[in-house]
Amino acid sequence: MTDAPRTPPPPFAAFEWQIAWRYLRARRREGGVSVIAWYALIGVMLGVATLIVVQAVMIGFREEFTDRIIGANAHVTIYQTPGIGPDGQPDRMVRDYDALAARLAAVPGVTRASPLVRGQVMASAHGRAIGVEVLGARTEDLEQVPLVASPEIGFGDLARLDAGVAIGAGVARELGLAVGDVVTLISPEGMDTPFGASPRISDYEVTYIFGVGRFDIDRTRVYMPFAEAQSFFDRDGAADEIEVFVADPMQVDALRAPLAEAAGDGAVLWTWRDASGAFLSALDVERRVMFIILSLVVLIAGLNIVSGLVMLVKNKGRDIGILRTMGLTRGSIMRVFFLCGALIGVTGTALGVILGCLFAIYIQDIQALVEWVAGGSVWNPEIRFLTEIPARLRPGDVAAVVAMALGLSFLVTLAPARNAARLNPVEALRYE
């Protein structure tokens, strides 16, 4: 009676996991690589965490910047091409602004359209002066601008705009203004007199202070009642532009053709993508480049796995010979050492995901702690436009980092695992 043929064990059987785990826990004097394994694990963990945090911050910066753009500015601005005015001078003012705004508002996908007066002036108060941009808008229109009507910080009453002006929080800070104070606006394009042009100077009460979280808006913007802006900038019966808001700002390019048709000949359209598209595209390119560069950190950490496994194979040559004589196949030996490296990569990646996600979630608190310890600001809004470090975790970005880290960890493990499987048991046991 003959013995039935033995069924080979399935790949990654329980005993292969046990052997791999035993080798990882062994100390150096026992022929293990525990110290090197810890170095490799920490390297992978820090590389993955850094990559997740950098991706989250860059995505957060892009999304926050986009939200500020579409929340405090028109999605589409309609201008008129320069023509010849009644005085024979170049003129690009919009004369029939109410009729034009009505036609634009009737376009499907447009939520509202309103005329706007725009001008550059000097604001002065308490012996200080700064340059600001004045926007003349109707109160009912301004109340529908999301980040102005519901800002991050706000003081006063926007409904009282007709009694004065609304200023950005940065303007108020620079000039030392509060609600109820008086600000002086000085326009160099004033009235013509026998002695030349005289600057136009007017005092206004500050009725509302808003902070949208973008330095270039909070530090420069002043809103004035539309009729008063027409008088102040000598725009009687005209507006400088028509601002259009759409239901889906991300699909604004699809509305170019119907808006141009509604605006008529001589109209020029300028979308928020035209104004900031190059900057947002640069952010996307930078994020992809940073992903590639920081992936090298994970690769370097993965090379520590290789060095550890090479030493492990060398130290465990006798064990490999014994296991082969006991009946383990080359495939089993290869899988044992592959599991040794893979476990390091998987554990390091998992810890890196946890660390990186926690860092991104609590980045505002970490920023506050660092600033408290350093005694100063580590985030200059004058350079970065936003007032705080943004971070947005997206499952797709985290998954991409995990896939890259695990892929590199598994890939670098294959070579030493294959060398272990190719080891001749006779040579391994010859001198034992």
Protein backbone atom coordinates (compact mmCIF):
# COMPACT_ATOMS: atom_id res chain seq x y z
CA MET A 1 0.00 0.00 0.00
CA THR A 2 1.55 3.32 -1.04
CA ASP A 3 1.28 6.65 0.76
CA ALA A 4 -0.98 9.26 -0.79
CA PRO A 5 0.91 12.19 -2.31
CA ARG A 6 1.24 15.14 0.03
CA THR A 7 -0.68 18.27 -0.80
CA PRO A 8 1.64 21.30 -0.84
CA PRO A 9 0.70 24.01 1.66
CA PRO A 10 -1.10 27.06 0.31
CA PRO A 11 0.88 30.27 -0.22
CA PHE A 12 1.35 32.40 2.91
CA ALA A 13 0.39 29.53 5.19
CA ALA A 14 0.29 30.02 8.95
CA PHE A 15 3.75 28.55 9.53
CA GLU A 16 5.28 31.04 7.06
CA TRP A 17 3.79 33.91 9.05
CA GLN A 18 5.08 32.39 12.29
CA ILE A 19 8.62 32.04 11.00
CA ALA A 20 8.63 35.59 9.61
CA TRP A 21 7.31 37.00 12.87
CA ARG A 22 9.93 35.04 14.84
CA TYR A 23 12.73 36.43 12.69
CA LEU A 24 11.50 39.99 13.10
CA ARG A 25 11.35 39.68 16.89
CA ALA A 26 14.80 38.10 17.19
CA ARG A 27 17.58 40.25 18.61
CA ARG A 28 20.84 40.95 16.84
CA ARG A 29 22.76 38.42 18.91
CA GLU A 30 20.21 35.81 17.87
CA GLY A 31 20.75 36.60 14.20
CA GLY A 32 17.74 38.91 13.90
CA VAL A 33 17.38 42.44 12.57
CA SER A 34 15.18 44.02 15.21
CA VAL A 35 17.16 47.28 15.45
CA ILE A 36 17.40 47.73 11.68
CA ALA A 37 13.72 46.81 11.40
CA TRP A 38 12.84 49.58 13.84
CA TYR A 39 14.90 52.09 11.87
CA ALA A 40 13.19 51.06 8.63
CA LEU A 41 9.75 51.15 10.25
CA ILE A 42 10.30 54.63 11.66
CA GLY A 43 11.62 55.83 8.31
CA VAL A 44 8.57 54.57 6.43
CA MET A 45 6.25 55.99 9.10
CA LEU A 46 7.80 59.47 8.95
CA GLY A 47 7.90 59.46 5.15
CA VAL A 48 4.24 58.50 4.84
CA ALA A 49 3.17 60.99 7.54
CA THR A 50 5.14 63.82 5.88
CA LEU A 51 3.66 63.05 2.50
CA ILE A 52 0.10 63.00 3.86
CA VAL A 53 0.56 66.30 5.72
CA VAL A 54 2.14 68.06 2.72
CA GLN A 55 -0.60 66.84 0.39
CA ALA A 56 -3.32 67.86 2.88
CA VAL A 57 -1.85 71.34 3.33
CA MET A 58 -1.43 71.94 -0.38
CA ILE A 59 -4.95 70.71 -1.15
CA GLY A 60 -6.26 72.81 1.74
CA PHE A 61 -4.43 75.88 0.47
CA ARG A 62 -5.90 75.43 -3.01
CA GLU A 63 -9.45 74.83 -1.80
CA GLU A 64 -9.36 77.63 0.77
CA PHE A 65 -7.95 80.02 -1.79
CA THR A 66 -10.65 79.00 -4.27
CA ASP A 67 -13.39 79.36 -1.65
CA ARG A 68 -12.19 82.87 -0.81
CA ILE A 69 -12.10 83.82 -4.48
CA ILE A 70 -15.63 82.65 -5.32
CA GLY A 71 -17.02 83.70 -1.95
CA ALA A 72 -15.87 87.33 -1.97
CA ASN A 73 -15.59 88.18 -5.67
CA ALA A 74 -17.75 88.05 -8.76
CA HIS A 75 -17.62 84.78 -10.66
CA VAL A 76 -17.75 86.65 -13.97
CA THR A 77 -17.07 90.33 -14.58
CA ILE A 78 -18.46 92.09 -17.65
CA TYR A 79 -16.54 95.08 -19.03
CA GLN A 80 -17.12 97.30 -22.04
CA THR A 81 -14.44 97.76 -24.66
CA PRO A 82 -13.10 101.33 -24.70
CA GLY A 83 -15.08 103.75 -26.86
CA ILE A 84 -15.27 107.51 -27.33
CA GLY A 85 -17.27 109.31 -24.67
CA PRO A 86 -19.36 112.51 -24.98
CA ASP A 87 -16.28 114.61 -24.17
CA GLY A 88 -14.23 112.96 -26.92
CA GLN A 89 -12.11 111.00 -24.43
CA PRO A 90 -11.75 107.18 -24.25
CA ASP A 91 -14.66 105.80 -22.26
CA ARG A 92 -15.33 102.23 -21.12
CA MET A 93 -18.10 102.90 -18.63
CA VAL A 94 -21.34 100.90 -18.74
CA ARG A 95 -24.24 103.34 -19.31
CA ASP A 96 -27.26 101.02 -19.46
CA TYR A 97 -26.10 98.98 -16.47
CA ASP A 98 -29.56 98.08 -15.11
CA ALA A 99 -30.77 96.75 -18.47
CA LEU A 100 -27.53 94.84 -19.01
CA ALA A 101 -27.68 93.36 -15.50
CA ALA A 102 -31.26 92.22 -16.12
CA ARG A 103 -30.30 90.46 -19.37
CA LEU A 104 -27.36 88.73 -17.70
CA ALA A 105 -29.46 87.66 -14.70
CA ALA A 106 -31.93 85.99 -17.08
CA VAL A 107 -29.27 83.60 -18.39
CA PRO A 108 -29.88 80.05 -17.04
CA GLY A 109 -27.35 79.22 -14.33
CA VAL A 110 -26.87 82.85 -13.26
CA THR A 111 -28.07 83.66 -9.76
CA ARG A 112 -27.73 87.43 -9.94
CA ALA A 113 -26.02 90.29 -11.75
CA SER A 114 -25.41 93.79 -10.44
CA PRO A 115 -23.53 96.97 -11.42
CA LEU A 116 -20.32 97.95 -9.69
CA VAL A 117 -18.17 101.07 -9.44
CA ARG A 118 -14.48 100.52 -8.79
CA GLY A 119 -11.73 102.97 -7.90
CA GLN A 120 -8.38 103.35 -6.15
CA VAL A 121 -8.12 105.90 -3.34
CA MET A 122 -6.14 106.69 -0.22
CA ALA A 123 -7.77 106.05 3.14
CA SER A 124 -6.67 108.13 6.12
CA ALA A 125 -7.49 108.10 9.82
CA HIS A 126 -5.68 108.86 13.09
CA GLY A 127 -2.66 110.23 11.26
CA ARG A 128 -2.19 107.09 9.14
CA ALA A 129 -2.83 106.56 5.44
CA ILE A 130 -2.94 103.48 3.18
CA GLY A 131 -4.02 102.75 -0.36
CA VAL A 132 -7.32 100.93 -0.72
CA GLU A 133 -9.68 99.76 -3.43
CA VAL A 134 -13.22 101.13 -3.21
CA LEU A 135 -16.10 99.10 -4.62
CA GLY A 136 -19.43 100.84 -5.01
CA ALA A 137 -22.31 98.37 -4.64
CA ARG A 138 -25.92 98.42 -3.63
CA THR A 139 -26.66 97.18 -0.13
CA GLU A 140 -29.06 94.46 -1.29
CA ASP A 141 -26.43 93.16 -3.71
CA LEU A 142 -23.63 93.22 -1.14
CA GLU A 143 -25.77 91.29 1.33
CA GLN A 144 -25.71 88.36 -1.12
CA VAL A 145 -21.90 88.14 -1.25
CA PRO A 146 -21.30 85.14 1.04
CA LEU A 147 -18.00 86.05 2.69
CA VAL A 148 -18.92 89.70 3.11
CA ALA A 149 -22.40 89.11 4.53
CA SER A 150 -21.19 86.19 6.70
CA PRO A 151 -17.45 86.76 7.21
CA GLU A 152 -15.06 84.97 9.54
CA ILE A 153 -15.08 88.07 11.72
CA GLY A 154 -17.59 90.89 11.49
CA PHE A 155 -18.53 93.99 13.42
CA GLY A 156 -21.34 96.45 12.89
CA ASP A 157 -24.34 96.19 10.59
CA LEU A 158 -24.03 95.70 6.83
CA ALA A 159 -27.62 96.94 6.42
CA ARG A 160 -26.39 100.42 7.42
CA LEU A 161 -24.04 100.64 4.43
CA ASP A 162 -26.03 103.58 3.00
CA ALA A 163 -24.97 105.60 6.06
CA GLY A 164 -21.24 105.12 5.55
CA VAL A 165 -18.76 102.53 4.30
CA ALA A 166 -17.78 98.91 5.02
CA ILE A 167 -14.06 98.23 5.41
CA GLY A 168 -11.90 95.13 5.60
CA ALA A 169 -10.49 94.00 8.92
CA GLY A 170 -6.95 94.67 7.67
CA VAL A 171 -7.85 98.25 6.75
CA ALA A 172 -9.40 98.75 10.18
CA ARG A 173 -6.30 97.34 11.86
CA GLU A 174 -3.87 99.47 9.84
CA LEU A 175 -5.81 102.70 10.47
CA GLY A 176 -6.93 101.90 14.01
CA LEU A 177 -10.62 102.12 13.11
CA ALA A 178 -13.68 100.69 14.82
CA VAL A 179 -17.38 100.76 14.00
CA GLY A 180 -18.63 104.34 14.36
CA ASP A 181 -15.24 105.96 13.58
CA VAL A 182 -14.73 108.24 10.60
CA VAL A 183 -12.40 107.43 7.71
CA THR A 184 -11.27 109.96 5.11
CA LEU A 185 -11.10 108.85 1.48
CA ILE A 186 -8.93 110.87 -0.89
CA SER A 187 -9.18 110.44 -4.65
CA PRO A 188 -6.55 112.06 -6.88
CA GLU A 189 -9.10 112.27 -9.71
CA GLY A 190 -11.09 115.15 -8.25
CA MET A 191 -12.80 118.21 -9.56
CA ASP A 192 -11.33 120.48 -12.19
CA THR A 193 -10.66 124.03 -10.93
CA PRO A 194 -9.07 127.13 -12.48
CA PHE A 195 -5.90 126.09 -10.66
CA GLY A 196 -5.90 122.51 -11.93
CA ALA A 197 -7.38 119.24 -10.72
CA SER A 198 -8.23 119.25 -7.04
CA PRO A 199 -8.28 115.93 -5.11
CA ARG A 200 -11.69 114.83 -3.92
CA ILE A 201 -11.78 114.36 -0.15
CA SER A 202 -14.77 112.95 1.75
CA ASP A 203 -15.35 111.64 5.26
CA TYR A 204 -17.42 108.51 5.90
CA GLU A 205 -18.59 106.69 8.98
CA VAL A 206 -17.43 103.10 9.35
CA THR A 207 -20.66 101.10 9.65
CA TYR A 208 -19.34 97.58 9.08
CA ILE A 209 -16.01 95.75 9.40
CA PHE A 210 -15.52 92.34 7.76
CA GLY A 211 -12.72 89.79 7.64
CA VAL A 212 -12.92 87.08 4.96
CA GLY A 213 -9.58 85.45 5.84
CA ARG A 214 -7.67 86.60 2.76
CA PHE A 215 -5.02 89.21 3.38
CA ASP A 216 -5.25 90.87 -0.03
CA ILE A 217 -9.00 91.46 0.48
CA ASP A 218 -9.08 92.34 4.17
CA ARG A 219 -6.14 94.72 3.80
CA THR A 220 -7.31 96.66 0.74
CA ARG A 221 -11.07 96.53 0.28
CA VAL A 222 -13.66 99.20 1.10
CA TYR A 223 -17.33 99.00 0.10
CA MET A 224 -19.31 102.18 -0.56
CA PRO A 225 -22.99 102.69 -1.47
CA PHE A 226 -23.42 102.52 -5.23
CA ALA A 227 -24.96 106.00 -5.65
CA GLU A 228 -22.31 107.58 -3.43
CA ALA A 229 -19.54 105.83 -5.39
CA GLN A 230 -20.97 107.19 -8.64
CA SER A 231 -20.80 110.70 -7.21
CA PHE A 232 -17.38 110.26 -5.58
CA PHE A 233 -15.71 108.85 -8.73
CA ASP A 234 -17.68 111.04 -11.14
CA ARG A 235 -19.58 108.11 -12.67
CA ASP A 236 -22.96 109.81 -12.88
CA GLY A 237 -25.39 107.53 -14.70
CA ALA A 238 -22.79 104.84 -15.31
CA ALA A 239 -20.98 101.89 -13.76
CA ASP A 240 -17.51 100.48 -14.33
CA GLU A 241 -18.53 96.86 -14.67
CA ILE A 242 -21.25 94.27 -14.08
CA GLU A 243 -20.50 91.48 -11.62
CA VAL A 244 -22.19 88.15 -12.26
CA PHE A 245 -22.65 85.30 -9.80
CA VAL A 246 -23.47 81.80 -11.02
CA ALA A 247 -24.96 78.74 -9.31
CA ASP A 248 -21.91 76.52 -9.97
CA PRO A 249 -18.69 78.54 -10.11
CA MET A 250 -16.68 75.43 -11.09
CA GLN A 251 -18.64 75.25 -14.36
CA VAL A 252 -18.34 78.93 -15.16
CA ASP A 253 -16.60 78.30 -18.48
CA ALA A 254 -19.77 76.65 -19.82
CA LEU A 255 -21.61 79.97 -19.40
CA ARG A 256 -19.19 82.06 -21.44
CA ALA A 257 -21.14 81.80 -24.67
CA PRO A 258 -24.63 82.59 -23.29
CA LEU A 259 -23.26 85.42 -21.16
CA ALA A 260 -21.42 86.92 -24.12
CA GLU A 261 -24.60 86.74 -26.19
CA ALA A 262 -26.62 88.42 -23.44
CA ALA A 263 -23.97 91.11 -22.93
CA GLY A 264 -23.95 92.05 -26.61
CA ASP A 265 -21.24 93.44 -28.83
CA GLY A 266 -18.33 95.21 -27.21
CA ALA A 267 -18.55 93.24 -23.96
CA VAL A 268 -15.49 91.59 -22.43
CA LEU A 269 -15.89 88.66 -20.03
CA TRP A 270 -13.39 87.98 -17.26
CA THR A 271 -14.04 84.92 -15.08
CA TRP A 272 -12.54 84.03 -11.73
CA ARG A 273 -10.54 81.32 -13.50
CA ASP A 274 -9.02 83.94 -15.80
CA ALA A 275 -7.96 85.96 -12.78
CA SER A 276 -6.55 83.11 -10.66
CA GLY A 277 -6.31 80.11 -12.98
CA ALA A 278 -2.55 80.37 -13.48
CA PHE A 279 -1.94 80.46 -9.74
CA LEU A 280 -4.23 77.47 -9.11
CA SER A 281 -2.56 75.51 -11.93
CA ALA A 282 0.83 76.26 -10.40
CA LEU A 283 -0.42 74.89 -7.08
CA ASP A 284 -1.54 71.67 -8.78
CA VAL A 285 1.83 71.23 -10.48
CA GLU A 286 3.66 71.94 -7.24
CA ARG A 287 1.55 69.38 -5.38
CA ARG A 288 2.34 66.67 -7.92
CA VAL A 289 6.04 67.50 -7.87
CA MET A 290 6.10 67.43 -4.07
CA PHE A 291 4.41 64.01 -4.13
CA ILE A 292 7.19 62.67 -6.37
CA ILE A 293 9.97 64.27 -4.32
CA LEU A 294 8.63 63.09 -0.98
CA SER A 295 8.08 59.62 -2.40
CA LEU A 296 11.87 59.40 -2.52
CA VAL A 297 11.86 59.70 1.28
CA VAL A 298 9.71 56.58 1.47
CA LEU A 299 11.98 54.88 -1.05
CA ILE A 300 15.06 55.67 1.06
CA ALA A 301 13.30 54.25 4.10
CA GLY A 302 12.46 51.18 2.02
CA LEU A 303 16.16 50.68 1.28
CA ASN A 304 16.66 50.20 5.02
CA ILE A 305 14.30 47.25 4.68
CA VAL A 306 16.57 45.85 1.97
CA SER A 307 19.72 46.20 4.09
CA GLY A 308 17.96 44.58 7.04
CA LEU A 309 16.76 41.65 4.97
CA VAL A 310 20.18 41.14 3.39
CA MET A 311 21.70 40.85 6.86
CA LEU A 312 18.84 38.60 7.98
CA VAL A 313 19.39 36.24 5.05
CA LYS A 314 23.10 36.13 5.83
CA ASN A 315 22.53 35.43 9.54
CA LYS A 316 19.82 32.86 8.89
CA GLY A 317 21.68 30.82 6.28
CA ARG A 318 21.83 27.79 8.62
CA ASP A 319 18.09 28.08 9.32
CA ILE A 320 17.35 28.27 5.62
CA GLY A 321 19.34 25.11 4.99
CA ILE A 322 17.53 23.27 7.78
CA LEU A 323 14.12 24.44 6.58
CA ARG A 324 14.91 23.31 3.03
CA THR A 325 15.97 19.85 4.22
CA MET A 326 12.73 19.65 6.23
CA GLY A 327 10.78 20.06 3.00
CA LEU A 328 10.14 23.78 2.60
CA THR A 329 10.11 24.82 -1.01
CA ARG A 330 11.93 27.76 -2.47
CA GLY A 331 8.59 29.51 -2.74
CA SER A 332 7.99 29.12 1.00
CA ILE A 333 11.45 30.49 1.85
CA MET A 334 10.88 33.43 -0.47
CA ARG A 335 7.50 34.16 1.09
CA VAL A 336 8.93 34.01 4.62
CA PHE A 337 11.49 36.71 3.91
CA PHE A 338 9.03 38.68 1.79
CA LEU A 339 6.70 38.74 4.79
CA CYS A 340 9.54 40.01 6.98
CA GLY A 341 9.97 43.07 4.79
CA ALA A 342 6.29 43.48 4.01
CA LEU A 343 5.35 43.51 7.70
CA ILE A 344 7.80 46.36 8.29
CA GLY A 345 6.35 48.31 5.36
CA VAL A 346 2.72 47.67 6.30
CA THR A 347 3.26 48.56 9.96
CA GLY A 348 5.24 51.69 9.11
CA THR A 349 2.62 52.77 6.56
CA ALA A 350 -0.25 52.23 9.00
CA LEU A 351 1.49 54.23 11.74
CA GLY A 352 2.40 56.93 9.21
CA VAL A 353 -1.23 57.25 8.09
CA ILE A 354 -2.37 57.63 11.69
CA LEU A 355 0.35 60.18 12.50
CA GLY A 356 -0.13 62.16 9.29
CA CYS A 357 -3.92 62.30 9.60
CA LEU A 358 -3.75 63.41 13.23
CA PHE A 359 -1.20 66.09 12.35
CA ALA A 360 -3.37 67.38 9.48
CA ILE A 361 -6.54 67.36 11.60
CA TYR A 362 -4.97 69.25 14.49
CA ILE A 363 -2.65 71.44 12.41
CA GLN A 364 -4.31 74.65 13.68
CA ASP A 365 -3.63 73.65 17.28
CA ILE A 366 -0.08 72.66 16.40
CA GLN A 367 0.42 76.04 14.69
CA ALA A 368 -0.84 77.83 17.80
CA LEU A 369 1.48 75.78 20.01
CA VAL A 370 4.51 76.44 17.81
CA GLU A 371 3.74 80.17 17.71
CA TRP A 372 3.33 80.20 21.49
CA VAL A 373 6.68 78.46 21.99
CA ALA A 374 8.46 80.58 19.35
CA GLY A 375 6.84 83.78 20.58
CA GLY A 376 5.92 84.91 17.07
CA SER A 377 3.97 84.05 13.92
CA VAL A 378 5.13 81.17 11.71
CA TRP A 379 2.56 81.88 8.98
CA ASN A 380 2.84 85.26 7.30
CA PRO A 381 -0.55 86.11 5.69
CA GLU A 382 1.07 88.90 3.65
CA ILE A 383 2.95 86.25 1.65
CA ARG A 384 0.49 83.36 1.71
CA PHE A 385 -2.73 85.46 1.52
CA LEU A 386 -4.58 83.18 3.97
CA THR A 387 -4.63 83.97 7.68
CA GLU A 388 -4.04 80.39 8.88
CA ILE A 389 -2.54 77.11 7.69
CA PRO A 390 -5.27 75.16 5.84
CA ALA A 391 -5.36 71.37 5.60
CA ARG A 392 -7.90 69.18 3.83
CA LEU A 393 -7.71 65.39 4.06
CA ARG A 394 -9.13 63.60 1.06
CA PRO A 395 -9.55 59.80 1.08
CA GLY A 396 -8.19 59.60 -2.47
CA ASP A 397 -4.94 61.38 -1.53
CA VAL A 398 -4.43 59.20 1.55
CA ALA A 399 -5.11 56.08 -0.54
CA ALA A 400 -2.55 57.20 -3.13
CA VAL A 401 0.09 57.64 -0.43
CA VAL A 402 -0.72 54.24 1.07
CA ALA A 403 -0.57 52.54 -2.33
CA MET A 404 2.76 54.17 -3.14
CA ALA A 405 4.31 53.30 0.25
CA LEU A 406 3.13 49.69 0.19
CA GLY A 407 4.13 49.28 -3.45
CA LEU A 408 7.66 50.49 -2.77
CA SER A 409 7.93 48.40 0.40
CA PHE A 410 6.84 45.24 -1.39
CA LEU A 411 8.99 45.94 -4.43
CA VAL A 412 12.27 46.45 -2.56
CA THR A 413 11.60 43.28 -0.54
CA LEU A 414 11.49 40.98 -3.56
CA ALA A 415 15.23 40.94 -4.34
CA PRO A 416 16.56 39.82 -0.92
CA ALA A 417 13.65 37.38 -0.53
CA ARG A 418 14.52 35.84 -3.89
CA ASN A 419 18.18 35.56 -2.91
CA ALA A 420 17.15 33.71 0.24
CA ALA A 421 15.07 31.26 -1.80
CA ARG A 422 17.99 30.60 -4.16
CA LEU A 423 20.39 29.76 -1.33
CA ASN A 424 21.80 26.22 -1.71
CA PRO A 425 21.05 24.24 1.48
CA VAL A 426 24.19 22.13 1.03
CA GLU A 427 26.39 25.24 0.97
CA ALA A 428 24.47 26.70 3.94
CA LEU A 429 25.09 23.60 6.09
CA ARG A 430 28.56 22.67 4.88
CA TYR A 431 30.42 24.35 7.72
CA GLU A 432 27.77 23.89 10.41
